């Protein structure tokens, strides 16, 4: 008789489960009718075959709706509403100017457009090849920048066309920090390690 007792208990517990389920279903329907139980929101995810479907099933268990969108769209590939600004026109930059004779760079910063600062450097250097006597006289003069020192003392030629913007920063203090970092990072001809010590 122990087997029949187990069957009776099983039948009762199954009946209780059915009653419990129907009660829960009724409560959920009532909450939905009262609009207390609704979706928690919607998420748009990029479509990746096999992954997006599984991810949306997981989110569905938490009552979060999903919508998928293509990873690349024709509009993203074709439409570019703004023209690119050349390096010479960019203001508030950290820049580097290479030397044609060696592997060193001059690293500097400016709040004005890069082209204006490069013109100033160029004007100061006023490129020319110095004789030995001019070179010794130039060595005793303290120039405005390390670029002028390089040209006067070493007879090196600066590669003005390959001046590059290496960092953009509108905040002056942060720009000085970035300049100091770039000076320490590159093989440079600068006199010091930047304004930020």
N, C-alpha and C. Protein backbone atom coordinates (compact mmCIF):
# COMPACT_ATOMS: atom_id res chain seq x y z
N UNK A 1 0.79 -1.20 0.00
CA UNK A 1 0.00 0.00 0.00
C UNK A 1 0.84 1.28 0.00
N UNK A 2 2.12 1.19 0.25
CA UNK A 2 2.89 2.42 0.25
C UNK A 2 2.88 3.07 -1.12
N UNK A 3 2.74 2.32 -2.20
CA UNK A 3 2.72 2.87 -3.56
C UNK A 3 1.47 3.70 -3.79
N UNK A 4 0.29 3.27 -3.29
CA UNK A 4 -0.96 4.01 -3.53
C UNK A 4 -0.95 5.33 -2.77
N UNK A 5 -0.33 5.36 -1.60
CA UNK A 5 -0.22 6.59 -0.82
C UNK A 5 0.58 7.64 -1.60
N UNK A 6 1.65 7.20 -2.25
CA UNK A 6 2.49 8.10 -3.05
C UNK A 6 1.68 8.66 -4.21
N UNK A 7 0.83 7.82 -4.82
CA UNK A 7 0.01 8.26 -5.95
C UNK A 7 -0.99 9.31 -5.48
N UNK A 8 -1.59 9.10 -4.33
CA UNK A 8 -2.56 10.07 -3.79
C UNK A 8 -1.86 11.39 -3.51
N UNK A 9 -0.66 11.34 -2.90
CA UNK A 9 0.09 12.58 -2.61
C UNK A 9 0.46 13.30 -3.90
N UNK A 10 0.88 12.52 -4.92
CA UNK A 10 1.25 13.10 -6.20
C UNK A 10 0.04 13.80 -6.82
N UNK A 11 -1.10 13.16 -6.79
CA UNK A 11 -2.32 13.73 -7.36
C UNK A 11 -2.70 15.02 -6.67
N UNK A 12 -2.59 15.06 -5.34
CA UNK A 12 -2.94 16.26 -4.59
C UNK A 12 -1.97 17.40 -4.91
N UNK A 13 -0.70 17.08 -4.93
CA UNK A 13 0.28 18.14 -5.19
C UNK A 13 0.13 18.68 -6.61
N UNK A 14 -0.20 17.82 -7.59
CA UNK A 14 -0.42 18.26 -8.97
C UNK A 14 -1.63 19.19 -9.04
N UNK A 15 -2.67 18.81 -8.29
CA UNK A 15 -3.88 19.63 -8.26
C UNK A 15 -3.58 21.00 -7.64
N UNK A 16 -2.81 20.99 -6.58
CA UNK A 16 -2.43 22.26 -5.93
C UNK A 16 -1.62 23.13 -6.90
N UNK A 17 -0.71 22.48 -7.65
CA UNK A 17 0.11 23.23 -8.61
C UNK A 17 -0.77 23.89 -9.67
N UNK A 18 -1.75 23.13 -10.19
CA UNK A 18 -2.64 23.68 -11.22
C UNK A 18 -3.43 24.86 -10.68
N UNK A 19 -3.92 24.75 -9.47
CA UNK A 19 -4.68 25.84 -8.84
C UNK A 19 -3.77 27.05 -8.65
N UNK A 20 -2.54 26.79 -8.20
CA UNK A 20 -1.56 27.86 -8.01
C UNK A 20 -1.24 28.57 -9.33
N UNK A 21 -1.04 27.78 -10.41
CA UNK A 21 -0.74 28.36 -11.72
C UNK A 21 -1.88 29.23 -12.20
N UNK A 22 -3.09 28.71 -12.11
CA UNK A 22 -4.23 29.49 -12.60
C UNK A 22 -4.39 30.77 -11.79
N UNK A 23 -4.15 30.71 -10.48
CA UNK A 23 -4.24 31.89 -9.63
C UNK A 23 -3.19 32.93 -10.08
N UNK A 24 -1.95 32.47 -10.33
CA UNK A 24 -0.88 33.37 -10.78
C UNK A 24 -1.23 33.97 -12.14
N UNK A 25 -1.74 33.16 -13.06
CA UNK A 25 -2.10 33.65 -14.39
C UNK A 25 -3.20 34.70 -14.28
N UNK A 26 -4.18 34.46 -13.41
CA UNK A 26 -5.25 35.44 -13.22
C UNK A 26 -4.70 36.75 -12.67
N UNK A 27 -3.78 36.66 -11.70
CA UNK A 27 -3.18 37.86 -11.13
C UNK A 27 -2.38 38.65 -12.18
N UNK A 28 -1.64 37.93 -13.03
CA UNK A 28 -0.87 38.59 -14.09
C UNK A 28 -1.80 39.29 -15.07
N UNK A 29 -2.87 38.60 -15.48
CA UNK A 29 -3.82 39.21 -16.42
C UNK A 29 -4.45 40.46 -15.81
N UNK A 30 -4.75 40.39 -14.52
CA UNK A 30 -5.34 41.55 -13.84
C UNK A 30 -4.34 42.72 -13.80
N UNK A 31 -3.07 42.42 -13.51
CA UNK A 31 -2.04 43.46 -13.49
C UNK A 31 -1.85 44.08 -14.88
N UNK A 32 -1.87 43.24 -15.91
CA UNK A 32 -1.72 43.75 -17.27
C UNK A 32 -2.90 44.64 -17.61
N UNK A 33 -4.11 44.23 -17.20
CA UNK A 33 -5.31 45.04 -17.43
C UNK A 33 -5.18 46.39 -16.74
N UNK A 34 -4.62 46.40 -15.55
CA UNK A 34 -4.44 47.64 -14.80
C UNK A 34 -3.19 48.40 -15.27
N UNK A 35 -2.43 47.79 -16.19
CA UNK A 35 -1.21 48.37 -16.75
C UNK A 35 -0.11 48.57 -15.70
N UNK A 36 -0.13 47.76 -14.66
CA UNK A 36 0.92 47.84 -13.66
C UNK A 36 2.13 47.01 -14.08
N UNK A 37 1.91 45.97 -14.86
CA UNK A 37 2.97 45.12 -15.32
C UNK A 37 3.13 45.35 -16.81
N UNK A 38 4.14 46.08 -17.19
CA UNK A 38 4.35 46.36 -18.61
C UNK A 38 5.82 46.16 -18.94
N UNK A 39 6.17 46.37 -20.18
CA UNK A 39 7.56 46.23 -20.59
C UNK A 39 8.42 47.25 -19.89
N UNK A 40 9.62 46.87 -19.58
CA UNK A 40 10.54 47.77 -18.87
C UNK A 40 11.24 48.74 -19.81
N UNK A 41 11.16 48.53 -21.10
CA UNK A 41 11.81 49.42 -22.04
C UNK A 41 12.17 48.70 -23.31
N UNK A 42 12.91 49.41 -24.16
CA UNK A 42 13.30 48.84 -25.43
C UNK A 42 14.78 49.10 -25.67
N UNK A 43 15.44 48.13 -26.27
CA UNK A 43 16.86 48.23 -26.56
C UNK A 43 17.07 47.94 -28.04
N UNK A 44 17.88 48.76 -28.69
CA UNK A 44 18.26 48.50 -30.08
C UNK A 44 19.67 47.96 -30.08
N UNK A 45 19.84 46.80 -30.70
CA UNK A 45 21.16 46.16 -30.74
C UNK A 45 21.58 45.92 -32.18
N UNK A 46 22.88 45.93 -32.47
CA UNK A 46 23.33 45.62 -33.83
C UNK A 46 23.09 44.14 -34.13
N UNK A 47 22.76 43.84 -35.38
CA UNK A 47 22.47 42.46 -35.74
C UNK A 47 23.75 41.68 -35.99
N UNK A 48 23.90 40.60 -35.25
CA UNK A 48 24.98 39.65 -35.45
C UNK A 48 24.32 38.28 -35.50
N UNK A 49 24.47 37.59 -36.63
CA UNK A 49 23.78 36.32 -36.84
C UNK A 49 24.07 35.34 -35.69
N UNK A 50 23.01 34.80 -35.11
CA UNK A 50 23.14 33.82 -34.03
C UNK A 50 23.22 34.45 -32.65
N UNK A 51 23.88 35.57 -32.53
CA UNK A 51 24.07 36.22 -31.23
C UNK A 51 22.90 37.13 -30.88
N UNK A 52 22.41 37.89 -31.86
CA UNK A 52 21.32 38.84 -31.59
C UNK A 52 20.05 38.14 -31.14
N UNK A 53 19.74 36.99 -31.77
CA UNK A 53 18.52 36.25 -31.41
C UNK A 53 18.61 35.74 -29.97
N UNK A 54 19.76 35.19 -29.62
CA UNK A 54 19.94 34.66 -28.27
C UNK A 54 19.88 35.78 -27.23
N UNK A 55 20.48 36.89 -27.56
CA UNK A 55 20.49 38.02 -26.63
C UNK A 55 19.08 38.58 -26.44
N UNK A 56 18.29 38.65 -27.53
CA UNK A 56 16.92 39.16 -27.36
C UNK A 56 16.05 38.19 -26.58
N UNK A 57 16.31 36.88 -26.67
CA UNK A 57 15.57 35.92 -25.85
C UNK A 57 15.87 36.12 -24.37
N UNK A 58 17.13 36.40 -24.06
CA UNK A 58 17.52 36.63 -22.66
C UNK A 58 16.84 37.90 -22.14
N UNK A 59 16.86 38.95 -22.94
CA UNK A 59 16.23 40.21 -22.51
C UNK A 59 14.72 40.07 -22.39
N UNK A 60 14.13 39.20 -23.22
CA UNK A 60 12.68 39.00 -23.18
C UNK A 60 12.24 38.43 -21.83
N UNK A 61 13.09 37.61 -21.21
CA UNK A 61 12.75 37.05 -19.89
C UNK A 61 12.65 38.15 -18.84
N UNK A 62 13.34 39.27 -19.07
CA UNK A 62 13.28 40.41 -18.16
C UNK A 62 12.31 41.49 -18.64
N UNK A 63 11.46 41.12 -19.58
CA UNK A 63 10.44 42.01 -20.16
C UNK A 63 11.06 43.26 -20.81
N UNK A 64 12.18 43.07 -21.48
CA UNK A 64 12.82 44.16 -22.22
C UNK A 64 12.70 43.83 -23.70
N UNK A 65 12.03 44.71 -24.45
CA UNK A 65 11.87 44.50 -25.89
C UNK A 65 13.17 44.84 -26.61
N UNK A 66 13.41 44.15 -27.71
CA UNK A 66 14.61 44.42 -28.49
C UNK A 66 14.24 44.68 -29.94
N UNK A 67 15.07 45.51 -30.56
CA UNK A 67 14.98 45.74 -32.00
C UNK A 67 16.40 45.62 -32.52
N UNK A 68 16.54 45.03 -33.69
CA UNK A 68 17.87 44.88 -34.26
C UNK A 68 18.04 45.85 -35.42
N UNK A 69 19.28 46.30 -35.61
CA UNK A 69 19.58 47.18 -36.73
C UNK A 69 20.83 46.65 -37.41
N UNK A 70 20.99 46.96 -38.69
CA UNK A 70 22.20 46.46 -39.38
C UNK A 70 23.45 47.13 -38.83
N UNK A 71 24.55 46.40 -38.86
CA UNK A 71 25.81 46.92 -38.33
C UNK A 71 26.34 48.06 -39.20
N UNK A 72 26.35 47.89 -40.50
CA UNK A 72 26.76 48.97 -41.40
C UNK A 72 25.59 49.33 -42.29
N UNK A 73 25.40 50.62 -42.43
CA UNK A 73 24.30 51.10 -43.27
C UNK A 73 24.89 51.90 -44.42
N UNK A 74 24.16 51.96 -45.50
CA UNK A 74 24.60 52.70 -46.68
C UNK A 74 24.83 54.16 -46.34
N UNK A 75 24.00 54.70 -45.48
CA UNK A 75 24.13 56.11 -45.10
C UNK A 75 25.47 56.36 -44.39
N UNK A 76 25.86 55.44 -43.51
CA UNK A 76 27.13 55.60 -42.80
C UNK A 76 28.32 55.57 -43.75
N UNK A 77 28.20 54.79 -44.81
CA UNK A 77 29.30 54.66 -45.76
C UNK A 77 29.38 55.83 -46.73
N UNK A 78 28.24 56.43 -47.07
CA UNK A 78 28.23 57.45 -48.12
C UNK A 78 28.14 58.88 -47.62
N UNK A 79 27.40 59.13 -46.57
CA UNK A 79 27.14 60.50 -46.14
C UNK A 79 28.17 60.98 -45.13
N UNK A 80 28.85 62.06 -45.45
CA UNK A 80 29.78 62.73 -44.55
C UNK A 80 29.48 64.22 -44.64
N UNK A 81 28.56 64.73 -43.81
CA UNK A 81 28.08 66.10 -43.97
C UNK A 81 29.13 67.19 -43.73
N UNK A 82 30.13 66.94 -42.90
CA UNK A 82 31.12 67.97 -42.61
C UNK A 82 32.40 67.70 -43.39
N UNK A 83 33.00 68.78 -43.88
CA UNK A 83 34.29 68.65 -44.56
C UNK A 83 35.37 68.46 -43.50
N UNK A 84 36.40 67.73 -43.86
CA UNK A 84 37.52 67.54 -42.94
C UNK A 84 38.36 68.79 -42.91
N UNK A 85 38.82 69.14 -41.73
CA UNK A 85 39.67 70.31 -41.55
C UNK A 85 41.12 69.87 -41.68
N UNK A 86 41.89 70.60 -42.48
CA UNK A 86 43.30 70.24 -42.64
C UNK A 86 44.05 70.57 -41.35
N UNK A 87 45.20 69.94 -41.16
CA UNK A 87 45.99 70.15 -39.94
C UNK A 87 46.38 71.62 -39.77
N UNK A 88 46.65 72.32 -40.88
CA UNK A 88 47.07 73.72 -40.79
C UNK A 88 45.98 74.62 -40.22
N UNK A 89 44.73 74.23 -40.38
CA UNK A 89 43.61 75.05 -39.92
C UNK A 89 43.14 74.71 -38.51
N UNK A 90 43.62 73.62 -37.93
CA UNK A 90 43.16 73.18 -36.61
C UNK A 90 43.80 74.04 -35.51
N UNK A 91 42.96 74.63 -34.65
CA UNK A 91 43.50 75.38 -33.50
C UNK A 91 43.60 74.48 -32.27
N UNK A 92 44.28 74.99 -31.22
CA UNK A 92 44.37 74.32 -29.93
C UNK A 92 44.92 72.90 -30.06
N UNK A 93 46.18 72.81 -30.53
CA UNK A 93 46.77 71.51 -30.82
C UNK A 93 48.14 71.34 -30.18
N UNK A 94 48.54 70.09 -30.07
CA UNK A 94 49.93 69.73 -29.79
C UNK A 94 50.44 69.20 -31.12
N UNK A 95 51.60 69.69 -31.56
CA UNK A 95 52.10 69.32 -32.89
C UNK A 95 53.54 68.86 -32.83
N UNK A 96 53.95 68.17 -33.92
CA UNK A 96 55.36 67.80 -34.03
C UNK A 96 55.83 68.13 -35.45
N UNK A 97 57.06 68.65 -35.52
CA UNK A 97 57.66 69.04 -36.79
C UNK A 97 58.96 68.24 -36.94
N UNK A 98 59.08 67.44 -38.01
CA UNK A 98 60.26 66.58 -38.16
C UNK A 98 61.46 67.32 -38.77
N UNK A 99 62.63 66.77 -38.56
CA UNK A 99 63.87 67.25 -39.16
C UNK A 99 64.19 66.34 -40.34
N UNK A 100 64.62 66.92 -41.46
CA UNK A 100 64.95 66.10 -42.64
C UNK A 100 66.29 65.38 -42.50
N UNK A 101 67.18 65.90 -41.67
CA UNK A 101 68.53 65.33 -41.56
C UNK A 101 68.65 64.24 -40.51
N UNK A 102 67.74 64.21 -39.55
CA UNK A 102 67.82 63.20 -38.50
C UNK A 102 66.42 62.72 -38.15
N UNK A 103 66.34 61.85 -37.19
CA UNK A 103 65.06 61.23 -36.80
C UNK A 103 64.35 62.00 -35.69
N UNK A 104 64.81 63.19 -35.37
CA UNK A 104 64.22 63.93 -34.25
C UNK A 104 63.06 64.82 -34.70
N UNK A 105 62.21 65.14 -33.72
CA UNK A 105 61.04 65.99 -33.94
C UNK A 105 61.09 67.16 -32.97
N UNK A 106 60.48 68.25 -33.38
CA UNK A 106 60.21 69.35 -32.45
C UNK A 106 58.77 69.20 -32.04
N UNK A 107 58.50 69.16 -30.76
CA UNK A 107 57.13 69.04 -30.25
C UNK A 107 56.75 70.35 -29.59
N UNK A 108 55.59 70.88 -29.97
CA UNK A 108 55.14 72.15 -29.41
C UNK A 108 53.63 72.17 -29.27
N UNK A 109 53.12 73.24 -28.70
CA UNK A 109 51.66 73.41 -28.55
C UNK A 109 51.30 74.83 -28.94
N UNK A 110 50.08 75.00 -29.41
CA UNK A 110 49.59 76.33 -29.74
C UNK A 110 48.07 76.38 -29.60
N UNK A 111 47.57 77.53 -29.24
CA UNK A 111 46.13 77.74 -29.16
C UNK A 111 45.58 78.27 -30.49
N UNK A 112 46.49 78.70 -31.35
CA UNK A 112 46.11 79.23 -32.66
C UNK A 112 46.19 78.12 -33.71
N UNK A 113 45.76 78.39 -34.94
CA UNK A 113 45.88 77.36 -35.97
C UNK A 113 47.34 76.95 -36.18
N UNK A 114 47.56 75.68 -36.46
CA UNK A 114 48.91 75.14 -36.63
C UNK A 114 49.66 75.86 -37.74
N UNK A 115 48.98 76.18 -38.83
CA UNK A 115 49.62 76.85 -39.96
C UNK A 115 50.26 78.17 -39.56
N UNK A 116 49.58 78.94 -38.69
CA UNK A 116 50.12 80.23 -38.24
C UNK A 116 51.38 80.02 -37.40
N UNK A 117 51.39 79.01 -36.54
CA UNK A 117 52.56 78.75 -35.70
C UNK A 117 53.74 78.27 -36.54
N UNK A 118 53.48 77.41 -37.52
CA UNK A 118 54.54 76.92 -38.40
C UNK A 118 55.15 78.08 -39.20
N UNK A 119 54.30 79.01 -39.65
CA UNK A 119 54.80 80.19 -40.37
C UNK A 119 55.74 81.01 -39.49
N UNK A 120 55.39 81.15 -38.21
CA UNK A 120 56.26 81.89 -37.28
C UNK A 120 57.61 81.20 -37.13
N UNK A 121 57.59 79.88 -36.96
CA UNK A 121 58.84 79.12 -36.86
C UNK A 121 59.67 79.30 -38.13
N UNK A 122 59.01 79.19 -39.26
CA UNK A 122 59.68 79.31 -40.55
C UNK A 122 60.32 80.68 -40.72
N UNK A 123 59.57 81.71 -40.32
CA UNK A 123 60.06 83.09 -40.45
C UNK A 123 61.31 83.28 -39.58
N UNK A 124 61.27 82.72 -38.38
CA UNK A 124 62.41 82.86 -37.47
C UNK A 124 63.64 82.12 -37.99
N UNK A 125 63.41 80.94 -38.53
CA UNK A 125 64.52 80.15 -39.05
C UNK A 125 65.10 80.80 -40.31
N UNK A 126 64.21 81.29 -41.19
CA UNK A 126 64.61 81.91 -42.45
C UNK A 126 65.70 81.07 -43.10
N UNK A 127 65.30 79.85 -43.47
CA UNK A 127 66.23 78.79 -43.89
C UNK A 127 67.36 79.27 -44.79
N UNK A 128 68.53 78.82 -44.44
CA UNK A 128 69.74 79.10 -45.20
C UNK A 128 70.85 78.25 -44.64
N UNK A 129 71.88 78.02 -45.43
CA UNK A 129 73.00 77.22 -44.96
C UNK A 129 74.05 78.19 -44.43
N UNK A 130 74.54 77.93 -43.23
CA UNK A 130 75.48 78.83 -42.56
C UNK A 130 76.92 78.39 -42.78
N UNK A 131 77.81 79.37 -42.87
CA UNK A 131 79.25 79.06 -42.91
C UNK A 131 79.70 78.77 -41.50
N UNK A 132 80.98 78.34 -41.34
CA UNK A 132 81.47 78.02 -40.01
C UNK A 132 81.46 79.25 -39.10
N UNK A 133 81.84 80.38 -39.63
CA UNK A 133 81.87 81.62 -38.83
C UNK A 133 80.47 82.02 -38.41
N UNK A 134 79.51 81.92 -39.33
CA UNK A 134 78.11 82.26 -39.00
C UNK A 134 77.56 81.28 -37.98
N UNK A 135 77.98 80.02 -38.09
CA UNK A 135 77.49 79.00 -37.16
C UNK A 135 77.98 79.28 -35.74
N UNK A 136 79.26 79.68 -35.58
CA UNK A 136 79.77 79.97 -34.23
C UNK A 136 79.12 81.23 -33.66
N UNK A 137 78.86 82.22 -34.52
CA UNK A 137 78.18 83.43 -34.07
C UNK A 137 76.74 83.10 -33.67
N UNK A 138 76.07 82.23 -34.45
CA UNK A 138 74.69 81.83 -34.18
C UNK A 138 74.59 81.01 -32.89
N UNK A 139 75.66 80.28 -32.56
CA UNK A 139 75.64 79.44 -31.35
C UNK A 139 75.60 80.28 -30.09
N UNK A 140 76.16 81.48 -30.15
CA UNK A 140 76.17 82.33 -28.97
C UNK A 140 74.85 83.07 -28.76
N UNK A 141 74.02 83.14 -29.80
CA UNK A 141 72.73 83.83 -29.71
C UNK A 141 71.67 82.87 -29.19
N UNK A 142 70.86 83.34 -28.25
CA UNK A 142 69.76 82.51 -27.72
C UNK A 142 68.55 82.73 -28.62
N UNK A 143 68.14 81.71 -29.33
CA UNK A 143 67.02 81.81 -30.26
C UNK A 143 65.70 81.57 -29.54
N UNK A 144 64.62 81.91 -30.26
CA UNK A 144 63.29 81.74 -29.68
C UNK A 144 62.93 80.27 -29.48
N UNK A 145 63.28 79.43 -30.45
CA UNK A 145 62.85 78.04 -30.36
C UNK A 145 63.99 77.07 -30.63
N UNK A 146 63.74 75.82 -30.28
CA UNK A 146 64.73 74.76 -30.49
C UNK A 146 64.89 74.46 -31.98
N UNK A 147 63.89 74.75 -32.77
CA UNK A 147 64.00 74.54 -34.22
C UNK A 147 65.06 75.47 -34.79
N UNK A 148 65.04 76.73 -34.39
CA UNK A 148 66.04 77.69 -34.87
C UNK A 148 67.43 77.29 -34.40
N UNK A 149 67.55 76.81 -33.17
CA UNK A 149 68.84 76.32 -32.67
C UNK A 149 69.35 75.18 -33.56
N UNK A 150 68.47 74.26 -33.90
CA UNK A 150 68.85 73.10 -34.70
C UNK A 150 69.38 73.55 -36.07
N UNK A 151 68.68 74.50 -36.70
CA UNK A 151 69.07 74.98 -38.02
C UNK A 151 70.38 75.77 -37.94
N UNK A 152 70.50 76.68 -36.96
CA UNK A 152 71.69 77.52 -36.84
C UNK A 152 72.92 76.75 -36.42
N UNK A 153 72.79 75.88 -35.43
CA UNK A 153 73.94 75.19 -34.86
C UNK A 153 74.33 73.93 -35.61
N UNK A 154 73.38 73.22 -36.15
CA UNK A 154 73.65 71.91 -36.76
C UNK A 154 73.56 71.92 -38.28
N UNK A 155 73.08 73.04 -38.87
CA UNK A 155 72.85 73.13 -40.32
C UNK A 155 71.84 72.09 -40.81
N UNK A 156 70.87 71.76 -39.99
CA UNK A 156 69.83 70.80 -40.39
C UNK A 156 68.72 71.52 -41.11
N UNK A 157 67.98 70.76 -41.90
CA UNK A 157 66.85 71.30 -42.66
C UNK A 157 65.58 70.75 -42.02
N UNK A 158 64.62 71.62 -41.78
CA UNK A 158 63.36 71.22 -41.15
C UNK A 158 62.35 70.85 -42.23
N UNK A 159 61.60 69.78 -41.99
CA UNK A 159 60.59 69.29 -42.94
C UNK A 159 59.25 69.94 -42.61
N UNK A 160 59.03 71.16 -43.09
CA UNK A 160 57.84 71.93 -42.75
C UNK A 160 56.56 71.30 -43.27
N UNK A 161 56.63 70.64 -44.43
CA UNK A 161 55.41 70.08 -45.04
C UNK A 161 54.84 68.91 -44.24
N UNK A 162 55.68 68.26 -43.46
CA UNK A 162 55.21 67.10 -42.69
C UNK A 162 54.93 67.42 -41.22
N UNK A 163 54.66 68.69 -40.94
CA UNK A 163 54.25 69.05 -39.57
C UNK A 163 52.88 68.42 -39.32
N UNK A 164 52.74 67.75 -38.18
CA UNK A 164 51.51 67.00 -37.89
C UNK A 164 50.90 67.42 -36.56
N UNK A 165 49.58 67.32 -36.50
CA UNK A 165 48.86 67.47 -35.24
C UNK A 165 48.89 66.10 -34.57
N UNK A 166 49.37 66.04 -33.34
CA UNK A 166 49.40 64.76 -32.63
C UNK A 166 48.34 64.67 -31.54
N UNK A 167 47.80 65.83 -31.13
CA UNK A 167 46.78 65.84 -30.09
C UNK A 167 45.95 67.12 -30.18
N UNK A 168 44.68 67.02 -29.84
CA UNK A 168 43.79 68.18 -29.78
C UNK A 168 43.37 68.40 -28.33
N UNK A 169 43.44 69.63 -27.85
CA UNK A 169 43.01 69.93 -26.48
C UNK A 169 42.68 71.41 -26.39
N UNK A 170 41.45 71.73 -25.99
CA UNK A 170 41.03 73.13 -25.90
C UNK A 170 41.48 73.79 -24.59
N UNK A 171 41.67 73.02 -23.55
CA UNK A 171 42.08 73.56 -22.26
C UNK A 171 43.60 73.76 -22.24
N UNK A 172 44.04 74.99 -21.97
CA UNK A 172 45.47 75.34 -22.02
C UNK A 172 46.32 74.48 -21.08
N UNK A 173 45.88 74.32 -19.84
CA UNK A 173 46.65 73.54 -18.86
C UNK A 173 46.76 72.08 -19.30
N UNK A 174 45.67 71.52 -19.77
CA UNK A 174 45.69 70.13 -20.24
C UNK A 174 46.56 70.00 -21.49
N UNK A 175 46.56 71.03 -22.35
CA UNK A 175 47.39 71.01 -23.55
C UNK A 175 48.87 71.01 -23.19
N UNK A 176 49.24 71.78 -22.16
CA UNK A 176 50.64 71.80 -21.70
C UNK A 176 51.06 70.43 -21.16
N UNK A 177 50.15 69.76 -20.47
CA UNK A 177 50.43 68.42 -19.96
C UNK A 177 50.62 67.45 -21.13
N UNK A 178 49.75 67.52 -22.12
CA UNK A 178 49.86 66.64 -23.28
C UNK A 178 51.16 66.91 -24.05
N UNK A 179 51.53 68.18 -24.16
CA UNK A 179 52.78 68.53 -24.83
C UNK A 179 53.95 67.88 -24.09
N UNK A 180 53.97 67.99 -22.76
CA UNK A 180 55.04 67.40 -21.95
C UNK A 180 55.10 65.88 -22.13
N UNK A 181 53.95 65.25 -22.22
CA UNK A 181 53.90 63.79 -22.42
C UNK A 181 54.49 63.44 -23.79
N UNK A 182 54.09 64.19 -24.83
CA UNK A 182 54.61 63.91 -26.18
C UNK A 182 56.12 64.19 -26.25
N UNK A 183 56.60 65.20 -25.55
CA UNK A 183 58.04 65.47 -25.54
C UNK A 183 58.79 64.30 -24.93
N UNK A 184 58.25 63.74 -23.86
CA UNK A 184 58.91 62.61 -23.19
C UNK A 184 58.79 61.32 -24.01
N UNK A 185 57.71 61.22 -24.82
CA UNK A 185 57.46 60.01 -25.60
C UNK A 185 58.31 59.92 -26.87
N UNK A 186 58.66 61.06 -27.49
CA UNK A 186 59.31 61.03 -28.79
C UNK A 186 60.78 61.40 -28.71
N UNK A 187 61.51 61.04 -29.73
CA UNK A 187 62.90 61.43 -29.89
C UNK A 187 62.86 62.87 -30.37
N UNK A 188 63.16 63.84 -29.49
CA UNK A 188 62.90 65.23 -29.82
C UNK A 188 64.13 66.11 -29.75
N UNK A 189 63.98 67.31 -30.33
CA UNK A 189 65.05 68.31 -30.30
C UNK A 189 64.72 69.45 -29.35
N UNK A 190 63.70 69.31 -28.55
CA UNK A 190 63.28 70.36 -27.63
C UNK A 190 64.36 70.64 -26.58
N UNK A 191 64.39 71.88 -26.11
CA UNK A 191 65.37 72.27 -25.08
C UNK A 191 65.01 71.72 -23.71
N UNK A 192 63.73 71.68 -23.41
CA UNK A 192 63.27 71.24 -22.10
C UNK A 192 62.24 70.14 -22.26
N UNK A 193 61.65 69.75 -21.14
CA UNK A 193 60.67 68.68 -21.17
C UNK A 193 59.24 69.21 -21.13
N UNK A 194 59.04 70.42 -21.65
CA UNK A 194 57.70 70.99 -21.71
C UNK A 194 57.46 71.96 -20.57
N UNK A 195 56.39 72.73 -20.71
CA UNK A 195 56.04 73.74 -19.70
C UNK A 195 55.54 73.10 -18.43
N UNK A 196 54.95 71.91 -18.54
CA UNK A 196 54.43 71.24 -17.35
C UNK A 196 55.51 70.33 -16.79
N UNK A 197 55.99 70.63 -15.58
CA UNK A 197 57.08 69.85 -14.97
C UNK A 197 56.52 68.91 -13.93
